[in-house]
């Protein structure tokens, strides 16, 4: 069975400024890590709630998709911009671990919350189509760069 590759290009970016706090560096790092995990889980919940309103299946969390989403988010942070670079390789790598019919991804930058990222994707026809697509599994990676910018990668696949 031939695997189809899909991806969505972001339409716009929002810019925000971070404020400084008096927390220690270690406490701040722990809080930021917890915040990122919360954003990832919240975004999955929001996407699934939206899919339910369309009578679509909910997406199951995939460790495999999450692994490759994290790798790509790290790549975008190192590059300093969002991209779908090497998407075909990610899709092939996912397919080498679990046989899939198709793979897609959404990427974003500079949203401060799960709902903001969702709304940005929802307002973009290509991102919305991906979120609402005929997929079964997903993994969402959210990471913050040294300047405080959040990067998002959501990978989708259908088994």
N, C-alpha and C. Protein backbone atom coordinates (compact mmCIF):
# COMPACT_ATOMS: atom_id res chain seq x y z
N UNK A 1 0.85 -1.18 0.00
CA UNK A 1 0.00 0.00 0.00
C UNK A 1 0.90 1.24 0.00
N UNK A 2 0.64 2.16 -0.88
CA UNK A 2 1.43 3.38 -0.97
C UNK A 2 1.00 4.38 0.09
N UNK A 3 1.98 4.98 0.77
CA UNK A 3 1.71 5.96 1.81
C UNK A 3 1.59 7.34 1.18
N UNK A 4 0.56 8.11 1.59
CA UNK A 4 0.39 9.48 1.12
C UNK A 4 1.01 10.44 2.12
N UNK A 5 1.63 11.50 1.65
CA UNK A 5 2.25 12.50 2.50
C UNK A 5 1.48 13.81 2.37
N UNK A 6 1.14 14.38 3.51
CA UNK A 6 0.41 15.65 3.53
C UNK A 6 1.06 16.57 4.54
N UNK A 7 1.02 17.86 4.28
CA UNK A 7 1.45 18.81 5.29
C UNK A 7 0.80 20.15 5.03
N UNK A 8 0.77 20.95 6.10
CA UNK A 8 0.14 22.26 6.00
C UNK A 8 1.16 23.33 6.30
N UNK A 9 1.11 24.40 5.55
CA UNK A 9 2.03 25.52 5.75
C UNK A 9 1.29 26.59 6.55
N UNK A 10 1.93 27.14 7.59
CA UNK A 10 1.25 28.14 8.41
C UNK A 10 0.95 29.41 7.63
N UNK A 11 -0.19 30.01 7.94
CA UNK A 11 -0.61 31.22 7.26
C UNK A 11 -0.07 32.46 7.96
N UNK A 12 0.01 32.44 9.29
CA UNK A 12 0.47 33.62 10.01
C UNK A 12 1.12 33.22 11.32
N UNK A 13 1.86 34.15 11.88
CA UNK A 13 2.52 33.95 13.17
C UNK A 13 2.11 35.09 14.10
N UNK A 14 2.01 34.79 15.37
CA UNK A 14 1.75 35.81 16.38
C UNK A 14 3.00 35.99 17.22
N UNK A 15 3.32 37.22 17.59
CA UNK A 15 4.50 37.49 18.40
C UNK A 15 4.08 37.93 19.79
N UNK A 16 4.78 37.45 20.80
CA UNK A 16 4.51 37.78 22.18
C UNK A 16 5.82 38.09 22.89
N UNK A 17 5.75 38.82 23.99
CA UNK A 17 6.92 39.09 24.82
C UNK A 17 6.77 38.32 26.12
N UNK A 18 7.89 37.75 26.61
CA UNK A 18 7.90 37.07 27.89
C UNK A 18 8.28 38.06 28.97
N UNK A 19 7.78 37.84 30.17
CA UNK A 19 8.20 38.67 31.30
C UNK A 19 9.15 37.88 32.17
N UNK A 20 9.99 38.56 32.90
CA UNK A 20 10.96 37.92 33.77
C UNK A 20 10.34 37.70 35.14
N UNK A 21 10.82 36.65 35.82
CA UNK A 21 10.37 36.39 37.19
C UNK A 21 11.60 36.22 38.07
N UNK A 22 11.36 36.14 39.36
CA UNK A 22 12.47 35.99 40.30
C UNK A 22 12.73 34.54 40.67
N UNK A 23 12.08 33.59 39.99
CA UNK A 23 12.30 32.17 40.27
C UNK A 23 13.75 31.81 39.95
N UNK A 24 14.26 30.81 40.64
CA UNK A 24 15.60 30.32 40.32
C UNK A 24 15.56 29.68 38.94
N UNK A 25 16.71 29.53 38.33
CA UNK A 25 16.79 28.93 37.00
C UNK A 25 16.24 27.52 37.02
N UNK A 26 16.59 26.74 38.05
CA UNK A 26 16.12 25.36 38.13
C UNK A 26 14.60 25.30 38.29
N UNK A 27 14.04 26.14 39.16
CA UNK A 27 12.59 26.16 39.36
C UNK A 27 11.89 26.59 38.08
N UNK A 28 12.46 27.57 37.40
CA UNK A 28 11.88 28.05 36.15
C UNK A 28 11.89 26.94 35.10
N UNK A 29 12.99 26.20 35.00
CA UNK A 29 13.09 25.11 34.03
C UNK A 29 12.05 24.03 34.30
N UNK A 30 11.86 23.70 35.55
CA UNK A 30 10.86 22.68 35.92
C UNK A 30 9.47 23.18 35.57
N UNK A 31 9.17 24.43 35.91
CA UNK A 31 7.85 24.99 35.60
C UNK A 31 7.62 25.05 34.10
N UNK A 32 8.66 25.43 33.34
CA UNK A 32 8.51 25.50 31.88
C UNK A 32 8.27 24.12 31.30
N UNK A 33 8.99 23.11 31.81
CA UNK A 33 8.80 21.74 31.32
C UNK A 33 7.38 21.26 31.62
N UNK A 34 6.89 21.55 32.82
CA UNK A 34 5.52 21.18 33.17
C UNK A 34 4.52 21.92 32.29
N UNK A 35 4.78 23.19 32.01
CA UNK A 35 3.89 23.98 31.15
C UNK A 35 3.84 23.40 29.74
N UNK A 36 4.99 23.00 29.21
CA UNK A 36 5.04 22.43 27.87
C UNK A 36 4.22 21.14 27.81
N UNK A 37 4.37 20.27 28.81
CA UNK A 37 3.60 19.03 28.84
C UNK A 37 2.11 19.34 28.92
N UNK A 38 1.75 20.33 29.71
CA UNK A 38 0.35 20.74 29.82
C UNK A 38 -0.17 21.25 28.48
N UNK A 39 0.61 22.05 27.78
CA UNK A 39 0.19 22.56 26.47
C UNK A 39 0.01 21.40 25.50
N UNK A 40 0.94 20.45 25.49
CA UNK A 40 0.82 19.30 24.59
C UNK A 40 -0.48 18.53 24.86
N UNK A 41 -0.73 18.23 26.13
CA UNK A 41 -1.94 17.47 26.48
C UNK A 41 -3.20 18.27 26.20
N UNK A 42 -3.18 19.56 26.54
CA UNK A 42 -4.34 20.41 26.28
C UNK A 42 -4.65 20.49 24.79
N UNK A 43 -3.61 20.60 23.98
CA UNK A 43 -3.82 20.70 22.53
C UNK A 43 -4.41 19.40 21.99
N UNK A 44 -3.93 18.27 22.47
CA UNK A 44 -4.51 17.00 22.05
C UNK A 44 -5.99 16.93 22.44
N UNK A 45 -6.28 17.35 23.66
CA UNK A 45 -7.68 17.35 24.13
C UNK A 45 -8.56 18.27 23.28
N UNK A 46 -8.06 19.46 22.97
CA UNK A 46 -8.83 20.42 22.18
C UNK A 46 -9.08 19.90 20.76
N UNK A 47 -8.04 19.34 20.14
CA UNK A 47 -8.20 18.78 18.79
C UNK A 47 -9.22 17.65 18.83
N UNK A 48 -9.11 16.77 19.83
CA UNK A 48 -10.06 15.66 19.91
C UNK A 48 -11.49 16.13 20.19
N UNK A 49 -11.64 17.13 21.04
CA UNK A 49 -12.98 17.68 21.29
C UNK A 49 -13.57 18.26 20.01
N UNK A 50 -12.73 18.95 19.25
CA UNK A 50 -13.19 19.49 17.98
C UNK A 50 -13.61 18.37 17.02
N UNK A 51 -12.80 17.34 16.94
CA UNK A 51 -13.12 16.21 16.05
C UNK A 51 -14.44 15.56 16.44
N UNK A 52 -14.71 15.48 17.75
CA UNK A 52 -15.97 14.90 18.21
C UNK A 52 -17.17 15.73 17.75
N UNK A 53 -17.01 17.05 17.68
CA UNK A 53 -18.13 17.89 17.21
C UNK A 53 -18.44 17.62 15.74
N UNK A 54 -17.48 17.03 15.03
CA UNK A 54 -17.66 16.70 13.62
C UNK A 54 -18.05 15.23 13.44
N UNK A 55 -18.29 14.55 14.56
CA UNK A 55 -18.55 13.10 14.55
C UNK A 55 -17.39 12.31 13.95
N UNK A 56 -16.19 12.82 14.13
CA UNK A 56 -14.98 12.12 13.70
C UNK A 56 -14.40 11.37 14.89
N UNK A 57 -13.56 10.38 14.59
CA UNK A 57 -12.91 9.64 15.66
C UNK A 57 -11.93 10.54 16.41
N UNK A 58 -11.68 10.21 17.67
CA UNK A 58 -10.62 10.90 18.40
C UNK A 58 -9.29 10.28 18.00
N UNK A 59 -8.25 11.08 18.11
CA UNK A 59 -6.90 10.61 17.78
C UNK A 59 -6.26 9.99 19.01
N UNK A 60 -5.65 8.84 18.81
CA UNK A 60 -4.94 8.17 19.90
C UNK A 60 -3.52 8.72 19.96
N UNK A 61 -3.02 8.91 21.18
CA UNK A 61 -1.63 9.35 21.34
C UNK A 61 -0.70 8.25 20.86
N UNK A 62 0.32 8.63 20.13
CA UNK A 62 1.32 7.70 19.62
C UNK A 62 2.71 8.11 20.09
N UNK A 63 3.37 7.21 20.79
CA UNK A 63 4.77 7.45 21.19
C UNK A 63 5.66 7.63 19.97
N UNK A 64 5.36 6.91 18.91
CA UNK A 64 6.17 7.00 17.69
C UNK A 64 6.02 8.38 17.06
N UNK A 65 4.79 8.85 16.89
CA UNK A 65 4.57 10.19 16.33
C UNK A 65 5.19 11.24 17.24
N UNK A 66 5.07 11.05 18.55
CA UNK A 66 5.63 12.00 19.51
C UNK A 66 7.15 12.08 19.39
N UNK A 67 7.79 10.92 19.23
CA UNK A 67 9.25 10.89 19.09
C UNK A 67 9.69 11.73 17.88
N UNK A 68 9.04 11.52 16.74
CA UNK A 68 9.45 12.25 15.54
C UNK A 68 9.00 13.71 15.57
N UNK A 69 7.91 14.00 16.25
CA UNK A 69 7.50 15.40 16.44
C UNK A 69 8.55 16.14 17.27
N UNK A 70 9.05 15.49 18.32
CA UNK A 70 10.09 16.10 19.15
C UNK A 70 11.37 16.35 18.36
N UNK A 71 11.76 15.38 17.56
CA UNK A 71 12.97 15.56 16.75
C UNK A 71 12.80 16.76 15.82
N UNK A 72 11.62 16.88 15.21
CA UNK A 72 11.41 18.00 14.28
C UNK A 72 11.32 19.33 15.02
N UNK A 73 10.70 19.35 16.19
CA UNK A 73 10.64 20.59 16.96
C UNK A 73 12.05 21.04 17.34
N UNK A 74 12.89 20.12 17.75
CA UNK A 74 14.29 20.47 18.05
C UNK A 74 14.99 21.03 16.82
N UNK A 75 14.73 20.44 15.67
CA UNK A 75 15.31 20.92 14.41
C UNK A 75 14.87 22.36 14.12
N UNK A 76 13.57 22.63 14.28
CA UNK A 76 13.07 23.98 14.00
C UNK A 76 13.70 24.99 14.96
N UNK A 77 13.85 24.62 16.22
CA UNK A 77 14.47 25.52 17.20
C UNK A 77 15.91 25.80 16.79
N UNK A 78 16.65 24.78 16.40
CA UNK A 78 18.04 24.96 15.97
C UNK A 78 18.11 25.85 14.73
N UNK A 79 17.15 25.71 13.84
CA UNK A 79 17.09 26.51 12.61
C UNK A 79 16.61 27.93 12.89
N UNK A 80 15.76 28.08 13.91
CA UNK A 80 15.23 29.39 14.26
C UNK A 80 13.97 29.77 13.51
N UNK A 81 13.36 28.80 12.83
CA UNK A 81 12.12 29.07 12.11
C UNK A 81 11.35 27.77 11.91
N UNK A 82 10.06 27.93 11.65
CA UNK A 82 9.25 26.75 11.42
C UNK A 82 9.41 26.27 9.98
N UNK A 83 9.24 24.97 9.80
CA UNK A 83 9.39 24.40 8.46
C UNK A 83 8.80 23.00 8.44
N UNK A 84 8.66 22.50 7.22
CA UNK A 84 8.31 21.10 7.01
C UNK A 84 9.51 20.37 6.40
N UNK A 85 10.72 20.92 6.60
CA UNK A 85 11.92 20.29 6.07
C UNK A 85 11.96 18.82 6.48
N UNK A 86 12.37 17.98 5.58
CA UNK A 86 12.58 16.55 5.83
C UNK A 86 11.29 15.80 6.20
N UNK A 87 10.15 16.34 5.82
CA UNK A 87 8.89 15.67 6.16
C UNK A 87 8.83 14.26 5.61
N UNK A 88 9.27 14.07 4.38
CA UNK A 88 9.23 12.73 3.78
C UNK A 88 10.03 11.74 4.60
N UNK A 89 11.17 12.18 5.13
CA UNK A 89 11.98 11.30 5.98
C UNK A 89 11.25 10.95 7.26
N UNK A 90 10.58 11.93 7.87
CA UNK A 90 9.80 11.66 9.10
C UNK A 90 8.71 10.65 8.81
N UNK A 91 8.01 10.86 7.71
CA UNK A 91 6.92 9.95 7.34
C UNK A 91 7.46 8.53 7.11
N UNK A 92 8.57 8.43 6.42
CA UNK A 92 9.19 7.12 6.16
C UNK A 92 9.64 6.47 7.46
N UNK A 93 10.22 7.27 8.36
CA UNK A 93 10.67 6.74 9.66
C UNK A 93 9.49 6.22 10.48
N UNK A 94 8.39 6.97 10.48
CA UNK A 94 7.19 6.51 11.18
C UNK A 94 6.72 5.20 10.57
N UNK A 95 6.66 5.16 9.24
CA UNK A 95 6.20 3.97 8.55
C UNK A 95 7.12 2.77 8.79
N UNK A 96 8.38 3.01 9.08
CA UNK A 96 9.30 1.90 9.36
C UNK A 96 9.04 1.28 10.74
N UNK A 97 8.37 2.04 11.61
CA UNK A 97 8.08 1.54 12.96
C UNK A 97 6.66 1.03 13.09
N UNK A 98 5.75 1.59 12.32
CA UNK A 98 4.35 1.15 12.32
C UNK A 98 3.82 1.37 10.91
N UNK A 99 3.21 0.35 10.33
CA UNK A 99 2.72 0.48 8.96
C UNK A 99 1.55 1.46 8.93
N UNK A 100 1.69 2.50 8.12
CA UNK A 100 0.68 3.55 8.04
C UNK A 100 0.23 3.74 6.60
N UNK A 101 -0.99 4.25 6.47
CA UNK A 101 -1.52 4.58 5.14
C UNK A 101 -1.11 5.97 4.72
N UNK A 102 -1.11 6.91 5.68
CA UNK A 102 -0.73 8.28 5.36
C UNK A 102 -0.24 8.99 6.62
N UNK A 103 0.55 10.03 6.39
CA UNK A 103 1.14 10.83 7.46
C UNK A 103 0.98 12.30 7.08
N UNK A 104 0.72 13.14 8.08
CA UNK A 104 0.62 14.58 7.86
C UNK A 104 1.17 15.30 9.08
N UNK A 105 1.42 16.59 8.93
CA UNK A 105 1.88 17.36 10.09
C UNK A 105 1.41 18.80 10.01
N UNK A 106 1.28 19.39 11.18
CA UNK A 106 1.07 20.82 11.33
C UNK A 106 2.23 21.35 12.17
N UNK A 107 2.71 22.53 11.85
CA UNK A 107 3.74 23.19 12.65
C UNK A 107 3.30 24.62 12.94
N UNK A 108 3.83 25.16 14.01
CA UNK A 108 3.51 26.55 14.38
C UNK A 108 4.61 27.08 15.29
N UNK A 109 4.55 28.38 15.50
CA UNK A 109 5.52 29.04 16.38
C UNK A 109 4.85 30.25 17.03
N UNK A 110 5.27 30.54 18.25
CA UNK A 110 4.94 31.77 18.96
C UNK A 110 3.56 31.84 19.59
N UNK A 111 2.82 30.76 19.63
CA UNK A 111 1.58 30.75 20.40
C UNK A 111 1.94 30.44 21.85
N UNK A 112 1.19 31.01 22.78
CA UNK A 112 1.51 30.83 24.20
C UNK A 112 0.64 29.81 24.90
N UNK A 113 -0.38 29.31 24.20
CA UNK A 113 -1.26 28.33 24.84
C UNK A 113 -1.76 27.36 23.80
N UNK A 114 -2.33 26.26 24.28
CA UNK A 114 -2.90 25.26 23.39
C UNK A 114 -4.06 25.83 22.58
N UNK A 115 -4.92 26.58 23.22
CA UNK A 115 -6.09 27.12 22.52
C UNK A 115 -5.66 28.12 21.44
N UNK A 116 -4.61 28.90 21.70
CA UNK A 116 -4.11 29.83 20.68
C UNK A 116 -3.57 29.07 19.47
N UNK A 117 -2.80 28.01 19.71
CA UNK A 117 -2.26 27.21 18.61
C UNK A 117 -3.40 26.57 17.82
N UNK A 118 -4.37 26.00 18.55
CA UNK A 118 -5.52 25.39 17.88
C UNK A 118 -6.25 26.42 17.01
N UNK A 119 -6.52 27.60 17.56
CA UNK A 119 -7.24 28.61 16.80
C UNK A 119 -6.45 29.06 15.57
N UNK A 120 -5.12 29.16 15.71
CA UNK A 120 -4.30 29.50 14.55
C UNK A 120 -4.42 28.45 13.47
N UNK A 121 -4.34 27.18 13.85
CA UNK A 121 -4.49 26.10 12.88
C UNK A 121 -5.91 26.05 12.32
N UNK A 122 -6.90 26.25 13.19
CA UNK A 122 -8.30 26.20 12.77
C UNK A 122 -8.60 27.29 11.73
N UNK A 123 -7.99 28.45 11.88
CA UNK A 123 -8.22 29.57 10.97
C UNK A 123 -7.44 29.46 9.67
N UNK A 124 -6.62 28.44 9.54
CA UNK A 124 -5.88 28.17 8.31
C UNK A 124 -6.51 26.95 7.65
N UNK A 125 -6.98 27.10 6.43
CA UNK A 125 -7.72 26.00 5.79
C UNK A 125 -6.87 24.73 5.68
N UNK A 126 -5.59 24.85 5.38
CA UNK A 126 -4.76 23.65 5.23
C UNK A 126 -4.51 22.96 6.59
N UNK A 127 -4.28 23.77 7.63
CA UNK A 127 -4.09 23.19 8.96
C UNK A 127 -5.39 22.55 9.47
N UNK A 128 -6.49 23.25 9.26
CA UNK A 128 -7.79 22.75 9.69
C UNK A 128 -8.09 21.42 9.01
N UNK A 129 -7.84 21.34 7.70
CA UNK A 129 -8.07 20.11 6.96
C UNK A 129 -7.25 18.97 7.55
N UNK A 130 -6.03 19.25 7.95
CA UNK A 130 -5.19 18.21 8.55
C UNK A 130 -5.76 17.78 9.90
N UNK A 131 -6.12 18.74 10.75
CA UNK A 131 -6.67 18.40 12.07
C UNK A 131 -7.95 17.58 11.96
N UNK A 132 -8.73 17.84 10.93
CA UNK A 132 -10.02 17.18 10.76
C UNK A 132 -9.92 15.94 9.86
N UNK A 133 -8.71 15.62 9.42
CA UNK A 133 -8.51 14.55 8.44
C UNK A 133 -8.76 13.15 8.97
N UNK A 134 -8.71 12.21 8.08
CA UNK A 134 -8.98 10.80 8.35
C UNK A 134 -7.74 10.13 8.94
N UNK A 135 -7.43 10.49 10.18
CA UNK A 135 -6.26 9.95 10.87
C UNK A 135 -6.70 9.19 12.12
N UNK A 136 -5.81 8.37 12.62
CA UNK A 136 -6.12 7.57 13.82
C UNK A 136 -5.21 7.90 15.00
N UNK A 137 -4.01 8.39 14.73
CA UNK A 137 -3.01 8.60 15.78
C UNK A 137 -2.32 9.96 15.62
N UNK A 138 -1.78 10.45 16.73
CA UNK A 138 -1.08 11.73 16.70
C UNK A 138 -0.04 11.80 17.82
N UNK A 139 0.88 12.70 17.65
CA UNK A 139 1.83 13.08 18.70
C UNK A 139 2.10 14.56 18.55
N UNK A 140 2.11 15.27 19.68
CA UNK A 140 2.30 16.73 19.66
C UNK A 140 3.51 17.07 20.50
N UNK A 141 4.43 17.80 19.90
CA UNK A 141 5.62 18.28 20.60
C UNK A 141 5.56 19.80 20.69
N UNK A 142 5.74 20.31 21.91
CA UNK A 142 5.83 21.74 22.14
C UNK A 142 7.11 21.99 22.91
N UNK A 143 7.93 22.89 22.41
CA UNK A 143 9.19 23.23 23.09
C UNK A 143 9.42 24.72 23.00
N UNK A 144 10.19 25.21 23.96
CA UNK A 144 10.48 26.63 24.05
C UNK A 144 11.97 26.84 23.77
N UNK A 145 12.27 27.81 22.92
CA UNK A 145 13.68 28.11 22.64
C UNK A 145 14.25 29.05 23.71
N UNK A 146 15.52 29.39 23.59
CA UNK A 146 16.19 30.24 24.59
C UNK A 146 15.61 31.64 24.66
N UNK A 147 14.96 32.10 23.60
CA UNK A 147 14.35 33.42 23.58
C UNK A 147 12.91 33.40 24.12
N UNK A 148 12.43 32.22 24.49
CA UNK A 148 11.08 32.11 25.03
C UNK A 148 10.00 31.86 24.01
N UNK A 149 10.38 31.57 22.76
CA UNK A 149 9.41 31.28 21.70
C UNK A 149 9.00 29.81 21.75
N UNK A 150 7.71 29.55 21.68
CA UNK A 150 7.21 28.18 21.63
C UNK A 150 7.16 27.71 20.19
N UNK A 151 7.58 26.47 19.97
CA UNK A 151 7.50 25.80 18.68
C UNK A 151 6.60 24.58 18.83
N UNK A 152 5.78 24.32 17.83
CA UNK A 152 4.81 23.23 17.86
C UNK A 152 4.97 22.34 16.64
N UNK A 153 4.95 21.04 16.85
CA UNK A 153 4.85 20.07 15.76
C UNK A 153 3.78 19.07 16.14
N UNK A 154 2.79 18.88 15.29
CA UNK A 154 1.81 17.81 15.50
C UNK A 154 1.88 16.91 14.27
N UNK A 155 2.21 15.65 14.53
CA UNK A 155 2.23 14.64 13.48
C UNK A 155 0.97 13.78 13.59
N UNK A 156 0.41 13.45 12.45
CA UNK A 156 -0.80 12.64 12.36
C UNK A 156 -0.48 11.44 11.47
N UNK A 157 -1.06 10.29 11.80
CA UNK A 157 -1.00 9.19 10.85
C UNK A 157 -2.24 8.33 10.95
N UNK A 158 -2.46 7.57 9.88
CA UNK A 158 -3.58 6.63 9.84
C UNK A 158 -2.99 5.25 9.67
N UNK A 159 -3.41 4.34 10.56
CA UNK A 159 -2.98 2.94 10.46
C UNK A 159 -3.86 2.20 9.49
